[in-house]
Amino acid sequence: MRRVQLLLAMALIGVGAIAASPTSASASGTQCTIHGGGGYGCTIYGGGYIQVCDNQVDGHRVRGHYTQFQSPTIRTTAWAPSRGCTDYAGGVWGFTIQKFRVCIEYEGCTAWKLT
């Protein structure tokens, strides 16, 4: 069952990345990470924006943590709605996202992923 959920999540990430961008060429530079507890997050436009999604309705909220180049401050995204995604969060002052992870309440976080 987990394998099917993982494959489904990966398929949704691919479709979402292309649908979220005006052209498939602008989807290049997309980086994603999947949390086994039912969430995932992706950066687009070479690390310019991040979006986090929650695949389940289980009461465990999903959000992303990220840092930007030239800033050690860990920033957070909004909480993703159940079976939905956050709006895209952008870099502050034009800096791109350096690394990010997906965290699920009560379950923990993925490893940091470099963009």
Protein backbone atom coordinates (compact mmCIF):
# COMPACT_ATOMS: atom_id res chain seq x y z
CA MET A 1 0.00 0.00 0.00
CA ARG A 2 2.82 2.43 0.84
CA ARG A 3 4.43 1.71 -2.54
CA VAL A 4 1.19 2.60 -4.33
CA GLN A 5 0.84 5.80 -2.30
CA LEU A 6 4.45 6.75 -3.07
CA LEU A 7 3.99 6.15 -6.79
CA LEU A 8 0.77 8.14 -6.77
CA ALA A 9 2.44 11.02 -4.94
CA MET A 10 5.32 11.03 -7.42
CA ALA A 11 2.85 11.12 -10.32
CA LEU A 12 0.94 14.01 -8.71
CA ILE A 13 4.18 15.92 -8.20
CA GLY A 14 5.05 15.60 -11.87
CA VAL A 15 1.60 16.69 -13.04
CA GLY A 16 1.41 19.50 -10.48
CA ALA A 17 4.81 20.90 -11.43
CA ILE A 18 3.84 21.09 -15.09
CA ALA A 19 0.32 22.39 -14.43
CA ALA A 20 1.59 25.07 -12.06
CA SER A 21 3.89 26.54 -14.65
CA PRO A 22 2.89 28.34 -17.84
CA THR A 23 5.07 26.07 -19.96
CA SER A 24 6.78 22.76 -19.34
CA ALA A 25 10.14 24.44 -19.99
CA SER A 26 9.65 26.66 -16.94
CA ALA A 27 9.18 23.54 -14.81
CA SER A 28 12.87 22.75 -15.26
CA GLY A 29 14.77 23.15 -12.04
CA THR A 30 11.98 21.54 -9.99
CA GLN A 31 13.19 19.73 -6.85
CA CYS A 32 10.86 17.60 -4.73
CA THR A 33 10.98 15.59 -1.52
CA ILE A 34 8.38 13.12 -0.26
CA HIS A 35 7.54 12.43 3.37
CA GLY A 36 6.42 8.84 3.98
CA GLY A 37 3.66 10.06 6.28
CA GLY A 38 1.61 11.56 3.46
CA GLY A 39 3.12 14.89 2.44
CA TYR A 40 5.51 16.29 -0.13
CA GLY A 41 7.07 19.56 -1.13
CA CYS A 42 8.64 20.99 -4.27
CA THR A 43 10.61 24.03 -5.27
CA ILE A 44 10.15 25.49 -8.74
CA TYR A 45 11.89 28.00 -10.98
CA GLY A 46 15.36 27.02 -9.82
CA GLY A 47 14.52 27.37 -6.13
CA GLY A 48 12.61 30.62 -6.39
CA TYR A 49 9.41 29.25 -4.83
CA ILE A 50 8.29 26.37 -2.61
CA GLN A 51 4.95 24.59 -2.29
CA VAL A 52 3.99 21.91 0.26
CA CYS A 53 1.08 19.46 0.00
CA ASP A 54 -0.78 17.14 2.36
CA ASN A 55 -2.04 13.89 0.79
CA GLN A 56 -4.12 12.69 3.73
CA VAL A 57 -7.00 13.68 5.97
CA ASP A 58 -5.57 12.38 9.24
CA GLY A 59 -5.27 15.49 11.41
CA HIS A 60 -1.49 15.66 10.99
CA ARG A 61 -0.68 19.01 9.44
CA VAL A 62 2.08 19.44 6.85
CA ARG A 63 4.39 22.42 6.33
CA GLY A 64 7.77 23.14 4.83
CA HIS A 65 10.96 24.55 6.30
CA TYR A 66 13.47 26.28 4.05
CA THR A 67 16.57 28.46 4.07
CA GLN A 68 17.77 30.90 1.47
CA PHE A 69 21.22 31.52 0.07
CA GLN A 70 23.10 34.04 2.23
CA SER A 71 20.66 33.66 5.14
CA PRO A 72 20.85 31.00 7.87
CA THR A 73 17.31 31.78 9.08
CA ILE A 74 14.94 28.80 8.80
CA ARG A 75 11.65 30.00 7.33
CA THR A 76 8.35 28.10 7.29
CA THR A 77 5.53 27.81 4.82
CA ALA A 78 1.87 27.96 5.76
CA TRP A 79 0.18 24.74 6.86
CA ALA A 80 -1.11 22.76 3.88
CA PRO A 81 -4.84 22.03 3.96
CA SER A 82 -5.86 18.36 4.20
CA ARG A 83 -5.72 16.82 0.71
CA GLY A 84 -4.43 20.13 -0.63
CA CYS A 85 -1.40 22.37 -1.14
CA THR A 86 -0.14 25.70 0.14
CA ASP A 87 0.22 28.70 -2.10
CA TYR A 88 3.73 29.12 -3.43
CA ALA A 89 6.03 30.83 -0.93
CA GLY A 90 8.80 32.88 -2.48
CA GLY A 91 12.26 33.86 -1.52
CA VAL A 92 12.71 37.09 0.42
CA TRP A 93 14.62 39.97 -1.21
CA GLY A 94 15.16 37.97 -4.39
CA PHE A 95 17.30 35.24 -2.82
CA THR A 96 16.56 31.71 -3.95
CA ILE A 97 15.89 28.77 -1.67
CA GLN A 98 19.04 26.88 -0.72
CA LYS A 99 17.54 23.85 1.02
CA PHE A 100 14.13 22.66 2.18
CA ARG A 101 12.36 19.84 3.99
CA VAL A 102 8.80 18.69 4.62
CA CYS A 103 7.54 18.29 8.18
CA ILE A 104 4.42 16.47 9.35
CA GLU A 105 3.02 17.28 12.76
CA TYR A 106 3.62 14.43 15.24
CA GLU A 107 5.70 12.50 12.66
CA GLY A 108 8.84 14.57 12.05
CA CYS A 109 10.66 15.95 9.02
CA THR A 110 12.39 14.67 5.92
CA ALA A 111 16.11 15.23 5.50
CA TRP A 112 17.12 18.62 4.11
CA LYS A 113 17.18 18.68 0.29
CA LEU A 114 19.49 21.05 -1.54
CA THR A 115 18.09 22.94 -4.52
